[in-house]
Amino acid sequence: MPTTADRLRAAARQLADIHNGLRADLDRLRSGEALPERLAEHCVAFCASLTAHHTGEDTLAFPFLDDALPELTPVLDRLRREHAVVAERIRELRALATDPHALRERVDSLAAELDEHFRYEEAALIPAIEALP
């Protein structure tokens, strides 16, 4: 039976793939691929996926990592703070659902923030998780 560490290693291997999928979804939102009248719908779906991803990290992965790798606590604290900022951005996006122009501008801003967040998370967490005993 796989241990928690085994499951986290498997999740770490999938993390970049998950982030790449979220990046692709965000790129589609930014590209104008979604018709203006459908932009809000696409944005809500993206926000739901991102929220589920961050909730899973905050409630499952990060508490285990805090215990297993206390040296990661500053990294995890930063990621939690960034998750809170992203949650606020998502609330802002939802409030703009009736204004496609403002929504698209806010999506562009979120994309830059998320790219930095994802890169930091991948660089800081994947090697540490892969090294778990």
Protein backbone atom coordinates (compact mmCIF):
# COMPACT_ATOMS: atom_id res chain seq x y z
CA MET A 1 0.00 0.00 0.00
CA PRO A 2 1.42 3.41 -0.95
CA THR A 3 2.52 5.65 1.90
CA THR A 4 1.56 9.31 2.17
CA ALA A 5 5.06 10.18 0.97
CA ASP A 6 4.56 7.92 -2.06
CA ARG A 7 1.29 9.68 -2.87
CA LEU A 8 2.95 13.09 -2.47
CA ARG A 9 5.79 12.07 -4.79
CA ALA A 10 3.21 11.00 -7.38
CA ALA A 11 1.41 14.31 -6.93
CA ALA A 12 4.70 16.21 -7.26
CA ARG A 13 5.35 14.48 -10.57
CA GLN A 14 1.90 15.64 -11.71
CA LEU A 15 2.23 19.18 -10.35
CA ALA A 16 3.90 20.67 -13.42
CA ASP A 17 1.33 18.93 -15.64
CA ILE A 18 -1.52 20.37 -13.56
CA HIS A 19 0.05 23.81 -13.70
CA ASN A 20 0.59 23.48 -17.45
CA GLY A 21 -3.08 22.59 -17.89
CA LEU A 22 -4.10 25.64 -15.86
CA ARG A 23 -1.68 27.78 -17.90
CA ALA A 24 -3.22 26.48 -21.14
CA ASP A 25 -6.73 27.26 -19.86
CA LEU A 26 -5.59 30.75 -18.92
CA ASP A 27 -3.96 31.23 -22.33
CA ARG A 28 -7.25 30.30 -24.01
CA LEU A 29 -9.05 32.88 -21.87
CA ARG A 30 -6.48 35.52 -22.79
CA SER A 31 -6.36 34.68 -26.50
CA GLY A 32 -9.90 35.75 -27.19
CA GLU A 33 -10.73 32.19 -28.19
CA ALA A 34 -13.82 32.45 -26.00
CA LEU A 35 -16.52 34.67 -27.45
CA PRO A 36 -17.07 37.78 -25.33
CA GLU A 37 -20.48 36.55 -24.22
CA ARG A 38 -18.92 33.24 -23.14
CA LEU A 39 -15.83 34.72 -21.50
CA ALA A 40 -17.42 34.91 -18.05
CA GLU A 41 -18.52 31.28 -18.29
CA HIS A 42 -15.03 30.15 -19.26
CA CYS A 43 -13.52 32.30 -16.54
CA VAL A 44 -15.81 30.82 -13.87
CA ALA A 45 -14.80 27.29 -14.95
CA PHE A 46 -11.11 28.20 -14.82
CA CYS A 47 -11.51 29.83 -11.41
CA ALA A 48 -13.27 26.74 -10.06
CA SER A 49 -10.41 24.50 -11.24
CA LEU A 50 -7.78 26.79 -9.76
CA THR A 51 -9.66 27.07 -6.46
CA ALA A 52 -9.95 23.27 -6.20
CA HIS A 53 -6.23 22.91 -6.92
CA HIS A 54 -5.21 25.42 -4.24
CA THR A 55 -7.69 24.03 -1.71
CA GLY A 56 -6.19 20.57 -2.15
CA GLU A 57 -2.70 21.91 -1.61
CA ASP A 58 -3.68 23.96 1.44
CA THR A 59 -5.69 21.22 3.16
CA LEU A 60 -3.87 18.03 2.16
CA ALA A 61 -0.36 18.47 0.81
CA PHE A 62 0.92 21.48 2.75
CA PRO A 63 0.04 20.23 6.27
CA PHE A 64 1.85 16.95 5.56
CA LEU A 65 4.85 18.80 4.15
CA ASP A 66 4.95 21.10 7.18
CA ASP A 67 5.36 18.01 9.37
CA ALA A 68 7.61 15.98 7.08
CA LEU A 69 9.89 18.79 5.92
CA PRO A 70 9.88 21.65 8.45
CA GLU A 71 12.57 23.41 6.44
CA LEU A 72 9.86 24.03 3.81
CA THR A 73 7.64 25.96 6.22
CA PRO A 74 8.75 29.40 4.91
CA VAL A 75 8.08 28.23 1.33
CA LEU A 76 4.68 26.84 2.29
CA ASP A 77 3.81 30.01 4.18
CA ARG A 78 4.60 32.07 1.08
CA LEU A 79 2.50 29.76 -1.09
CA ARG A 80 -0.42 30.00 1.34
CA ARG A 81 -0.20 33.80 1.24
CA GLU A 82 -0.13 33.69 -2.55
CA HIS A 83 -3.16 31.37 -2.53
CA ALA A 84 -5.03 33.96 -0.45
CA VAL A 85 -4.10 36.69 -2.95
CA VAL A 86 -5.23 34.50 -5.86
CA ALA A 87 -8.52 33.79 -4.05
CA GLU A 88 -9.08 37.55 -3.84
CA ARG A 89 -8.26 37.91 -7.56
CA ILE A 90 -10.84 35.21 -8.30
CA ARG A 91 -13.48 37.12 -6.33
CA GLU A 92 -12.58 40.21 -8.36
CA LEU A 93 -12.89 38.27 -11.62
CA ARG A 94 -16.30 36.96 -10.68
CA ALA A 95 -17.44 40.50 -9.86
CA LEU A 96 -16.43 41.57 -13.38
CA ALA A 97 -18.44 38.85 -15.12
CA THR A 98 -20.68 41.36 -16.89
CA ASP A 99 -17.81 43.47 -18.27
CA PRO A 100 -15.81 41.40 -20.81
CA HIS A 101 -13.21 44.15 -21.38
CA ALA A 102 -12.44 44.60 -17.68
CA LEU A 103 -12.58 40.85 -17.17
CA ARG A 104 -10.01 40.24 -19.92
CA GLU A 105 -7.68 42.89 -18.42
CA ARG A 106 -7.94 41.27 -15.00
CA VAL A 107 -7.29 37.83 -16.50
CA ASP A 108 -4.09 39.21 -18.05
CA SER A 109 -2.97 40.46 -14.65
CA LEU A 110 -3.83 37.15 -12.99
CA ALA A 111 -1.86 35.26 -15.65
CA ALA A 112 1.34 37.09 -14.74
CA GLU A 113 0.82 36.46 -11.02
CA LEU A 114 0.04 32.79 -11.54
CA ASP A 115 3.02 32.21 -13.79
CA GLU A 116 5.34 33.50 -11.08
CA HIS A 117 3.48 31.49 -8.41
CA PHE A 118 3.59 28.25 -10.42
CA ARG A 119 7.29 28.62 -11.25
CA TYR A 120 8.20 29.24 -7.61
CA GLU A 121 6.07 26.36 -6.38
CA GLU A 122 7.51 23.92 -8.91
CA ALA A 123 11.12 24.95 -8.20
CA ALA A 124 10.73 24.89 -4.42
CA LEU A 125 8.46 21.90 -3.84
CA ILE A 126 9.08 19.26 -6.49
CA PRO A 127 12.74 18.57 -5.60
CA ALA A 128 11.97 18.54 -1.86
CA ILE A 129 9.03 16.16 -2.26
CA GLU A 130 10.97 13.87 -4.60
CA ALA A 131 13.64 13.60 -1.88
CA LEU A 132 11.19 12.39 0.81
CA PRO A 133 12.28 9.09 2.36
